[in-house]
Every structure is written in structure tokens, then in C-alpha cells.
Amino acid sequence: MRKPRRQNTKAPSGTSGAVETADTGNDDVSERIRNTLAAAIGEGALKPGTKILEEAIAEHFGVSRTVVRGALGVLESDHLLERKRNRGTFVAEPSIEQAKSLFEARRKLEHLLLDLVIARATTEELDALQTLTDEEEHIHHHGDEKSKTVLSGKFHIVLAELAGNPVLTEMLAKIVARLSLVMSLYEEERKDDCGADHHRLIVAALKAKDLRKAQDLMDHHLADIEARVRLTEGQGDRHTFLAVLESFS
């Protein structure tokens, strides 16, 4: 009986490697696209309701529209972008109920993170966090609004990382990113501080291992941020209209 001929499962020379390299390259570019748009949204350069121009992104990064749509899809799942039927993709405009839920989730999560930080963070790590608040203080007196916003958000992410739970850190980062849209859409009162004094007091409480005080200080800090917004439909509409005027005037 003749033995069946063995099938050659090896891909043609150069084919497999080329596909793998292309896929890897697209993944890298996709991540760069996501990071670029997320940073622009977080820093307020891309306002809620701004249309995302797929063709411009594809041209800038030298990739196909398919790769761009894949990157945008991830940002949609993170609720930073939203696709509107027959209109395209836009920077998300959080509803009032979504804003309230985000603020509530952040308060609860920050409490949990503080508990873990006290249990796990080393003296050296808390000293580094203290140094960050010193940098914030310098930026408060000598930096621009963009620098203040970026560094203020960085404090909370670094604090979360000291808790030693990457899942919780990722959750907070996504909440903070979505809240940047809430602030952009509903903020009524802008303050020239970036919370450096609050952050410094929180670090001092953590060093003293006073969880209750750290949580109370965090509540006060977050309440100060929430007090800057007016969660009404009129406020959201007003900001959207002002953004249009700013673009066309």
C-alpha cells in the first residue's frame, strides 16, 4: 500500500515573515494612532463633538484606512470616540448620567487605591511621589495650562501604580480620560491651580499611614474638581456651540 504523500506545510520563502512583519508594523502604528488621539483628547486639543478625519490620519501615519478604523474602534470601545451612523466618527460627548457615574466610580476607585498604596508602597516610592508634587508646584507658578493639566493627571496615575494592581491602574486611567471629556464639555469655572497643594497633603497622609485622612483629603480634592462643572444639557450645548465659534471665527 502506497503511503500518502506528505503535505508541505512550510510557507514559501519570505511569505510568512513578510506577513508577520506587516502585521506587527500595523499593530505598532495602530497603537501610535490610539496614543496620539487619546493624548490630544486628554489635553483638550480635540474637543467633544470634533469629527475625526480618517483620511488625514491615514495619510499622516502612512497606513490604510482599515488600520485607522481598527485604531478608532479601540478608542470607541474605551468611550473616547463615538461613531454616528452615516456621519462618521467623533470625539465622544458624555451624557450627564455618564458624567455622574464616572465621578462616582472615580471616588470609589481612588479610595481603594489609597488603601492598597498604604499597604504596599515603599518609602522610596512615596518620596518619588512627593517629588512629583514639587514639580507640580513649580509648573503651577511657571507653566502653562496644558502642562498643569498633564501633570495633575499624571499624579493620580502614578499613585495608582503604587497600589501594585495593573488592572485597577488601567481602570483609573480610562476613567480619568473620559472625565477629561466631561470637564471639557461641562466645566463652568476654570481655576488656575492644578491641585498640587491637595496632592502634597495626600502624600503626607500616606507617609503617615493615615488611610482615613488620605481618603478624606482625596474626597475634598475630587469634590473641588466636580464643583467646577455644571451638569446641565444647556451647559453641554453651550460648550459645543462655543467650540464651533472658536473653530470658524
C-alpha atoms as a PDB file:
ATOM      1  CA  MET A   1       0.000   0.000   0.000  1.00  0.00           C
ATOM      2  CA  ARG A   2       1.385   3.355  -1.014  1.00  0.00           C
ATOM      3  CA  LYS A   3       1.994   5.877   1.730  1.00  0.00           C
ATOM      4  CA  PRO A   4       0.149   9.189   1.299  1.00  0.00           C
ATOM      5  CA  ARG A   5       2.363  11.975   0.106  1.00  0.00           C
ATOM      6  CA  ARG A   6       3.370  14.290   2.947  1.00  0.00           C
ATOM      7  CA  GLN A   7       1.955  17.765   2.574  1.00  0.00           C
ATOM      8  CA  ASN A   8       4.415  20.635   2.593  1.00  0.00           C
ATOM      9  CA  THR A   9       3.048  22.961   5.271  1.00  0.00           C
ATOM     10  CA  LYS A  10       6.002  25.331   5.160  1.00  0.00           C
ATOM     11  CA  ALA A  11       5.122  28.707   3.706  1.00  0.00           C
ATOM     12  CA  PRO A  12       7.023  29.923   0.651  1.00  0.00           C
ATOM     13  CA  SER A  13      10.302  31.584   1.428  1.00  0.00           C
ATOM     14  CA  GLY A  14       9.792  35.174   2.554  1.00  0.00           C
ATOM     15  CA  THR A  15       5.973  34.994   2.704  1.00  0.00           C
ATOM     16  CA  SER A  16       5.377  34.188   6.387  1.00  0.00           C
ATOM     17  CA  GLY A  17       7.989  36.613   7.619  1.00  0.00           C
ATOM     18  CA  ALA A  18       6.621  39.395   5.433  1.00  0.00           C
ATOM     19  CA  VAL A  19       3.082  38.896   6.703  1.00  0.00           C
ATOM     20  CA  GLU A  20       4.242  38.789  10.310  1.00  0.00           C
ATOM     21  CA  THR A  21       6.327  41.910   9.848  1.00  0.00           C
ATOM     22  CA  ALA A  22       3.422  43.724   8.195  1.00  0.00           C
ATOM     23  CA  ASP A  23       1.019  42.725  10.966  1.00  0.00           C
ATOM     24  CA  THR A  24       3.498  43.767  13.633  1.00  0.00           C
ATOM     25  CA  GLY A  25       4.113  47.082  11.880  1.00  0.00           C
ATOM     26  CA  ASN A  26       0.384  47.761  11.634  1.00  0.00           C
ATOM     27  CA  ASP A  27      -0.050  46.957  15.320  1.00  0.00           C
ATOM     28  CA  ASP A  28       2.683  49.444  16.208  1.00  0.00           C
ATOM     29  CA  VAL A  29       1.167  52.179  14.048  1.00  0.00           C
ATOM     30  CA  SER A  30      -2.298  51.425  15.397  1.00  0.00           C
ATOM     31  CA  GLU A  31      -1.001  51.910  18.922  1.00  0.00           C
ATOM     32  CA  ARG A  32       0.660  55.188  17.912  1.00  0.00           C
ATOM     33  CA  ILE A  33      -2.608  56.404  16.412  1.00  0.00           C
ATOM     34  CA  ARG A  34      -4.523  55.487  19.580  1.00  0.00           C
ATOM     35  CA  ASN A  35      -1.950  57.129  21.846  1.00  0.00           C
ATOM     36  CA  THR A  36      -1.844  60.283  19.722  1.00  0.00           C
ATOM     37  CA  LEU A  37      -5.615  60.741  19.666  1.00  0.00           C
ATOM     38  CA  ALA A  38      -6.012  59.818  23.346  1.00  0.00           C
ATOM     39  CA  ALA A  39      -3.360  62.375  24.335  1.00  0.00           C
ATOM     40  CA  ALA A  40      -4.975  65.062  22.172  1.00  0.00           C
ATOM     41  CA  ILE A  41      -8.357  64.336  23.755  1.00  0.00           C
ATOM     42  CA  GLY A  42      -6.965  64.235  27.286  1.00  0.00           C
ATOM     43  CA  GLU A  43      -5.195  67.571  26.856  1.00  0.00           C
ATOM     44  CA  GLY A  44      -8.258  69.223  25.330  1.00  0.00           C
ATOM     45  CA  ALA A  45      -6.820  69.710  21.839  1.00  0.00           C
ATOM     46  CA  LEU A  46      -9.625  67.561  20.425  1.00  0.00           C
ATOM     47  CA  LYS A  47     -12.899  68.764  21.924  1.00  0.00           C
ATOM     48  CA  PRO A  48     -16.083  66.708  22.418  1.00  0.00           C
ATOM     49  CA  GLY A  49     -18.018  66.591  19.150  1.00  0.00           C
ATOM     50  CA  THR A  50     -14.941  67.078  16.935  1.00  0.00           C
ATOM     51  CA  LYS A  51     -15.087  64.954  13.792  1.00  0.00           C
ATOM     52  CA  ILE A  52     -12.228  62.503  13.330  1.00  0.00           C
ATOM     53  CA  LEU A  53     -10.807  62.665   9.796  1.00  0.00           C
ATOM     54  CA  GLU A  54      -9.822  59.105   8.881  1.00  0.00           C
ATOM     55  CA  GLU A  55      -8.210  60.062   5.595  1.00  0.00           C
ATOM     56  CA  ALA A  56      -5.987  62.671   7.263  1.00  0.00           C
ATOM     57  CA  ILE A  57      -4.871  60.154   9.904  1.00  0.00           C
ATOM     58  CA  ALA A  58      -4.144  57.512   7.245  1.00  0.00           C
ATOM     59  CA  GLU A  59      -2.072  59.998   5.241  1.00  0.00           C
ATOM     60  CA  HIS A  60      -0.172  61.275   8.287  1.00  0.00           C
ATOM     61  CA  PHE A  61       0.784  57.806   9.550  1.00  0.00           C
ATOM     62  CA  GLY A  62       1.209  56.250   6.107  1.00  0.00           C
ATOM     63  CA  VAL A  63      -1.298  53.425   6.612  1.00  0.00           C
ATOM     64  CA  SER A  64      -4.553  52.257   5.103  1.00  0.00           C
ATOM     65  CA  ARG A  65      -7.998  53.407   6.227  1.00  0.00           C
ATOM     66  CA  THR A  66      -8.528  49.855   7.508  1.00  0.00           C
ATOM     67  CA  VAL A  67      -5.692  50.235  10.023  1.00  0.00           C
ATOM     68  CA  VAL A  68      -7.052  53.630  11.067  1.00  0.00           C
ATOM     69  CA  ARG A  69     -10.558  52.243  11.599  1.00  0.00           C
ATOM     70  CA  GLY A  70      -9.114  49.471  13.756  1.00  0.00           C
ATOM     71  CA  ALA A  71      -7.400  52.039  15.986  1.00  0.00           C
ATOM     72  CA  LEU A  72     -10.535  54.156  16.162  1.00  0.00           C
ATOM     73  CA  GLY A  73     -12.549  51.076  17.096  1.00  0.00           C
ATOM     74  CA  VAL A  74     -10.428  50.585  20.224  1.00  0.00           C
ATOM     75  CA  LEU A  75     -10.979  54.216  21.241  1.00  0.00           C
ATOM     76  CA  GLU A  76     -14.705  53.746  20.638  1.00  0.00           C
ATOM     77  CA  SER A  77     -14.717  50.768  22.999  1.00  0.00           C
ATOM     78  CA  ASP A  78     -12.990  52.999  25.574  1.00  0.00           C
ATOM     79  CA  HIS A  79     -15.791  55.575  25.039  1.00  0.00           C
ATOM     80  CA  LEU A  80     -13.413  58.303  23.903  1.00  0.00           C
ATOM     81  CA  LEU A  81     -14.875  58.266  20.398  1.00  0.00           C
ATOM     82  CA  GLU A  82     -18.349  57.557  19.087  1.00  0.00           C
ATOM     83  CA  ARG A  83     -19.480  56.573  15.610  1.00  0.00           C
ATOM     84  CA  LYS A  84     -22.588  58.269  14.270  1.00  0.00           C
ATOM     85  CA  ARG A  85     -24.449  56.489  11.509  1.00  0.00           C
ATOM     86  CA  ASN A  86     -23.838  57.942   8.056  1.00  0.00           C
ATOM     87  CA  ARG A  87     -21.863  60.814   9.603  1.00  0.00           C
ATOM     88  CA  GLY A  88     -18.538  59.366  10.724  1.00  0.00           C
ATOM     89  CA  THR A  89     -16.578  59.170  13.966  1.00  0.00           C
ATOM     90  CA  PHE A  90     -16.497  61.967  16.529  1.00  0.00           C
ATOM     91  CA  VAL A  91     -14.898  62.714  19.887  1.00  0.00           C
ATOM     92  CA  ALA A  92     -17.399  61.458  22.457  1.00  0.00           C
ATOM     93  CA  GLU A  93     -19.794  63.795  24.250  1.00  0.00           C
ATOM     94  CA  PRO A  94     -20.545  62.169  27.619  1.00  0.00           C
ATOM     95  CA  SER A  95     -24.129  62.474  28.809  1.00  0.00           C
ATOM     96  CA  ILE A  96     -24.982  63.947  32.210  1.00  0.00           C
ATOM     97  CA  GLU A  97     -25.738  60.480  33.589  1.00  0.00           C
ATOM     98  CA  GLN A  98     -22.437  59.150  32.273  1.00  0.00           C
ATOM     99  CA  ALA A  99     -20.609  62.074  33.885  1.00  0.00           C
ATOM    100  CA  LYS A 100     -22.224  61.392  37.263  1.00  0.00           C
ATOM    101  CA  SER A 101     -21.372  57.698  37.028  1.00  0.00           C
ATOM    102  CA  LEU A 102     -17.754  58.476  36.135  1.00  0.00           C
ATOM    103  CA  PHE A 103     -17.321  60.826  39.085  1.00  0.00           C
ATOM    104  CA  GLU A 104     -18.840  58.237  41.428  1.00  0.00           C
ATOM    105  CA  ALA A 105     -16.668  55.421  40.052  1.00  0.00           C
ATOM    106  CA  ARG A 106     -13.540  57.540  40.418  1.00  0.00           C
ATOM    107  CA  ARG A 107     -14.263  58.372  44.066  1.00  0.00           C
ATOM    108  CA  LYS A 108     -14.751  54.693  44.943  1.00  0.00           C
ATOM    109  CA  LEU A 109     -11.697  53.558  42.982  1.00  0.00           C
ATOM    110  CA  GLU A 110      -9.397  56.221  44.423  1.00  0.00           C
ATOM    111  CA  HIS A 111     -10.411  55.125  47.939  1.00  0.00           C
ATOM    112  CA  LEU A 112      -9.474  51.526  47.164  1.00  0.00           C
ATOM    113  CA  LEU A 113      -6.182  52.542  45.584  1.00  0.00           C
ATOM    114  CA  LEU A 114      -5.178  54.599  48.621  1.00  0.00           C
ATOM    115  CA  ASP A 115      -5.787  51.575  50.839  1.00  0.00           C
ATOM    116  CA  LEU A 116      -3.511  49.440  48.656  1.00  0.00           C
ATOM    117  CA  VAL A 117      -0.835  52.146  48.417  1.00  0.00           C
ATOM    118  CA  ILE A 118      -0.549  52.361  52.192  1.00  0.00           C
ATOM    119  CA  ALA A 119      -0.220  48.581  52.366  1.00  0.00           C
ATOM    120  CA  ARG A 120       2.274  48.167  49.514  1.00  0.00           C
ATOM    121  CA  ALA A 121       4.182  51.343  48.614  1.00  0.00           C
ATOM    122  CA  THR A 122       7.764  51.695  49.808  1.00  0.00           C
ATOM    123  CA  THR A 123       9.247  54.794  51.406  1.00  0.00           C
ATOM    124  CA  GLU A 124      11.301  55.396  48.257  1.00  0.00           C
ATOM    125  CA  GLU A 125       8.200  55.246  46.058  1.00  0.00           C
ATOM    126  CA  LEU A 126       6.341  57.728  48.240  1.00  0.00           C
ATOM    127  CA  ASP A 127       9.388  60.005  48.182  1.00  0.00           C
ATOM    128  CA  ALA A 128       9.263  59.903  44.367  1.00  0.00           C
ATOM    129  CA  LEU A 129       5.568  60.795  44.515  1.00  0.00           C
ATOM    130  CA  GLN A 130       6.462  63.713  46.787  1.00  0.00           C
ATOM    131  CA  THR A 131       8.989  64.873  44.188  1.00  0.00           C
ATOM    132  CA  LEU A 132       6.223  64.854  41.587  1.00  0.00           C
ATOM    133  CA  THR A 133       4.135  67.216  43.732  1.00  0.00           C
ATOM    134  CA  ASP A 134       7.164  69.529  43.966  1.00  0.00           C
ATOM    135  CA  GLU A 135       7.315  69.524  40.172  1.00  0.00           C
ATOM    136  CA  GLU A 136       3.602  70.347  40.085  1.00  0.00           C
ATOM    137  CA  GLU A 137       4.201  73.315  42.362  1.00  0.00           C
ATOM    138  CA  HIS A 138       6.873  74.626  40.006  1.00  0.00           C
ATOM    139  CA  ILE A 139       4.618  74.174  36.973  1.00  0.00           C
ATOM    140  CA  HIS A 140       1.791  75.927  38.835  1.00  0.00           C
ATOM    141  CA  HIS A 141       3.917  79.074  39.095  1.00  0.00           C
ATOM    142  CA  HIS A 142       5.853  78.884  35.829  1.00  0.00           C
ATOM    143  CA  GLY A 143       3.994  76.587  33.415  1.00  0.00           C
ATOM    144  CA  ASP A 144       1.104  76.880  31.007  1.00  0.00           C
ATOM    145  CA  GLU A 145      -2.394  75.419  31.420  1.00  0.00           C
ATOM    146  CA  LYS A 146      -1.581  72.387  29.274  1.00  0.00           C
ATOM    147  CA  SER A 147       1.401  71.460  31.450  1.00  0.00           C
ATOM    148  CA  LYS A 148      -0.697  71.832  34.603  1.00  0.00           C
ATOM    149  CA  THR A 149      -3.414  69.538  33.256  1.00  0.00           C
ATOM    150  CA  VAL A 150      -0.979  66.857  32.107  1.00  0.00           C
ATOM    151  CA  LEU A 151       0.994  66.792  35.349  1.00  0.00           C
ATOM    152  CA  SER A 152      -2.135  66.793  37.529  1.00  0.00           C
ATOM    153  CA  GLY A 153      -3.456  63.715  35.737  1.00  0.00           C
ATOM    154  CA  LYS A 154      -0.039  62.083  35.956  1.00  0.00           C
ATOM    155  CA  PHE A 155      -0.086  62.289  39.765  1.00  0.00           C
ATOM    156  CA  HIS A 156      -3.200  60.122  40.001  1.00  0.00           C
ATOM    157  CA  ILE A 157      -1.866  57.517  37.567  1.00  0.00           C
ATOM    158  CA  VAL A 158       1.492  57.272  39.354  1.00  0.00           C
ATOM    159  CA  LEU A 159      -0.349  56.993  42.671  1.00  0.00           C
ATOM    160  CA  ALA A 160      -2.456  54.162  41.230  1.00  0.00           C
ATOM    161  CA  GLU A 161       0.660  52.349  40.015  1.00  0.00           C
ATOM    162  CA  LEU A 162       1.996  52.294  43.592  1.00  0.00           C
ATOM    163  CA  ALA A 163      -1.032  50.177  44.533  1.00  0.00           C
ATOM    164  CA  GLY A 164       0.565  47.310  42.617  1.00  0.00           C
ATOM    165  CA  ASN A 165      -2.557  46.300  40.678  1.00  0.00           C
ATOM    166  CA  PRO A 166      -2.279  46.929  36.911  1.00  0.00           C
ATOM    167  CA  VAL A 167      -5.970  46.211  36.337  1.00  0.00           C
ATOM    168  CA  LEU A 168      -7.059  48.926  38.761  1.00  0.00           C
ATOM    169  CA  THR A 169      -4.484  51.321  37.287  1.00  0.00           C
ATOM    170  CA  GLU A 170      -5.887  50.737  33.800  1.00  0.00           C
ATOM    171  CA  MET A 171      -9.415  51.286  35.074  1.00  0.00           C
ATOM    172  CA  LEU A 172      -8.480  54.612  36.647  1.00  0.00           C
ATOM    173  CA  ALA A 173      -6.602  55.750  33.532  1.00  0.00           C
ATOM    174  CA  LYS A 174      -9.687  55.121  31.394  1.00  0.00           C
ATOM    175  CA  ILE A 175     -11.963  56.906  33.850  1.00  0.00           C
ATOM    176  CA  VAL A 176      -9.627  59.913  34.015  1.00  0.00           C
ATOM    177  CA  ALA A 177      -9.502  60.033  30.209  1.00  0.00           C
ATOM    178  CA  ARG A 178     -13.298  60.039  29.944  1.00  0.00           C
ATOM    179  CA  LEU A 179     -13.573  62.665  32.684  1.00  0.00           C
ATOM    180  CA  SER A 180     -11.342  64.962  30.621  1.00  0.00           C
ATOM    181  CA  LEU A 181     -14.220  64.992  28.109  1.00  0.00           C
ATOM    182  CA  VAL A 182     -16.698  65.729  30.888  1.00  0.00           C
ATOM    183  CA  MET A 183     -14.606  68.679  32.049  1.00  0.00           C
ATOM    184  CA  SER A 184     -14.240  69.970  28.511  1.00  0.00           C
ATOM    185  CA  LEU A 185     -17.977  69.761  27.914  1.00  0.00           C
ATOM    186  CA  TYR A 186     -19.461  70.845  31.239  1.00  0.00           C
ATOM    187  CA  GLU A 187     -16.810  72.844  33.082  1.00  0.00           C
ATOM    188  CA  GLU A 188     -18.135  76.200  34.200  1.00  0.00           C
ATOM    189  CA  GLU A 189     -15.362  77.544  36.394  1.00  0.00           C
ATOM    190  CA  ARG A 190     -11.721  77.227  35.437  1.00  0.00           C
ATOM    191  CA  LYS A 191      -9.167  77.550  38.223  1.00  0.00           C
ATOM    192  CA  ASP A 192      -5.509  78.392  37.782  1.00  0.00           C
ATOM    193  CA  ASP A 193      -4.327  75.704  40.203  1.00  0.00           C
ATOM    194  CA  CYS A 194      -3.687  72.076  39.330  1.00  0.00           C
ATOM    195  CA  GLY A 195      -4.315  70.537  42.755  1.00  0.00           C
ATOM    196  CA  ALA A 196      -0.654  70.484  43.761  1.00  0.00           C
ATOM    197  CA  ASP A 197      -1.472  71.525  47.341  1.00  0.00           C
ATOM    198  CA  HIS A 198      -4.093  68.772  47.639  1.00  0.00           C
ATOM    199  CA  HIS A 199      -1.692  66.209  46.224  1.00  0.00           C
ATOM    200  CA  ARG A 200       1.034  67.211  48.651  1.00  0.00           C
ATOM    201  CA  LEU A 201      -1.292  66.744  51.639  1.00  0.00           C
ATOM    202  CA  ILE A 202      -2.413  63.344  50.347  1.00  0.00           C
ATOM    203  CA  VAL A 203       1.196  62.172  50.076  1.00  0.00           C
ATOM    204  CA  ALA A 204       1.893  63.361  53.631  1.00  0.00           C
ATOM    205  CA  ALA A 205      -1.075  61.337  54.909  1.00  0.00           C
ATOM    206  CA  LEU A 206       0.140  58.267  53.000  1.00  0.00           C
ATOM    207  CA  LYS A 207       3.602  58.599  54.515  1.00  0.00           C
ATOM    208  CA  ALA A 208       1.991  58.768  57.955  1.00  0.00           C
ATOM    209  CA  LYS A 209      -0.066  55.665  57.032  1.00  0.00           C
ATOM    210  CA  ASP A 210      -3.249  57.552  57.910  1.00  0.00           C
ATOM    211  CA  LEU A 211      -5.730  55.982  55.487  1.00  0.00           C
ATOM    212  CA  ARG A 212      -8.782  57.830  56.762  1.00  0.00           C
ATOM    213  CA  LYS A 213      -7.091  61.213  56.399  1.00  0.00           C
ATOM    214  CA  ALA A 214      -5.763  60.346  52.935  1.00  0.00           C
ATOM    215  CA  GLN A 215      -9.251  59.319  51.788  1.00  0.00           C
ATOM    216  CA  ASP A 216     -10.832  62.445  53.263  1.00  0.00           C
ATOM    217  CA  LEU A 217      -8.255  64.607  51.507  1.00  0.00           C
ATOM    218  CA  MET A 218      -8.874  62.763  48.237  1.00  0.00           C
ATOM    219  CA  ASP A 219     -12.627  63.287  48.624  1.00  0.00           C
ATOM    220  CA  HIS A 220     -12.047  67.005  49.147  1.00  0.00           C
ATOM    221  CA  HIS A 221      -9.765  67.153  46.127  1.00  0.00           C
ATOM    222  CA  LEU A 222     -12.219  65.340  43.838  1.00  0.00           C
ATOM    223  CA  ALA A 223     -15.159  67.377  45.167  1.00  0.00           C
ATOM    224  CA  ASP A 224     -13.234  70.513  44.195  1.00  0.00           C
ATOM    225  CA  ILE A 225     -12.901  69.181  40.657  1.00  0.00           C
ATOM    226  CA  GLU A 226     -16.582  68.194  40.454  1.00  0.00           C
ATOM    227  CA  ALA A 227     -17.615  71.640  41.705  1.00  0.00           C
ATOM    228  CA  ARG A 228     -16.186  73.153  38.534  1.00  0.00           C
ATOM    229  CA  VAL A 229     -18.784  71.519  36.308  1.00  0.00           C
ATOM    230  CA  ARG A 230     -22.453  72.256  35.797  1.00  0.00           C
ATOM    231  CA  LEU A 231     -24.155  69.079  34.653  1.00  0.00           C
ATOM    232  CA  THR A 232     -26.994  70.516  32.611  1.00  0.00           C
ATOM    233  CA  GLU A 233     -27.903  69.979  28.970  1.00  0.00           C
ATOM    234  CA  GLY A 234     -27.650  73.716  28.376  1.00  0.00           C
ATOM    235  CA  GLN A 235     -24.066  73.779  29.604  1.00  0.00           C
ATOM    236  CA  GLY A 236     -23.055  70.972  27.268  1.00  0.00           C
ATOM    237  CA  ASP A 237     -24.781  72.633  24.318  1.00  0.00           C
ATOM    238  CA  ARG A 238     -23.135  75.955  25.183  1.00  0.00           C
ATOM    239  CA  HIS A 239     -19.652  74.443  25.164  1.00  0.00           C
ATOM    240  CA  THR A 240     -20.322  72.668  21.871  1.00  0.00           C
ATOM    241  CA  PHE A 241     -21.547  75.908  20.295  1.00  0.00           C
ATOM    242  CA  LEU A 242     -18.589  77.885  21.635  1.00  0.00           C
ATOM    243  CA  ALA A 243     -16.240  75.265  20.166  1.00  0.00           C
ATOM    244  CA  VAL A 244     -17.831  75.799  16.757  1.00  0.00           C
ATOM    245  CA  LEU A 245     -17.469  79.565  17.042  1.00  0.00           C
ATOM    246  CA  GLU A 246     -13.837  79.144  18.075  1.00  0.00           C
ATOM    247  CA  SER A 247     -13.136  76.960  15.042  1.00  0.00           C
ATOM    248  CA  PHE A 248     -14.783  79.238  12.477  1.00  0.00           C
ATOM    249  CA  SER A 249     -14.050  82.718  13.797  1.00  0.00           C
END
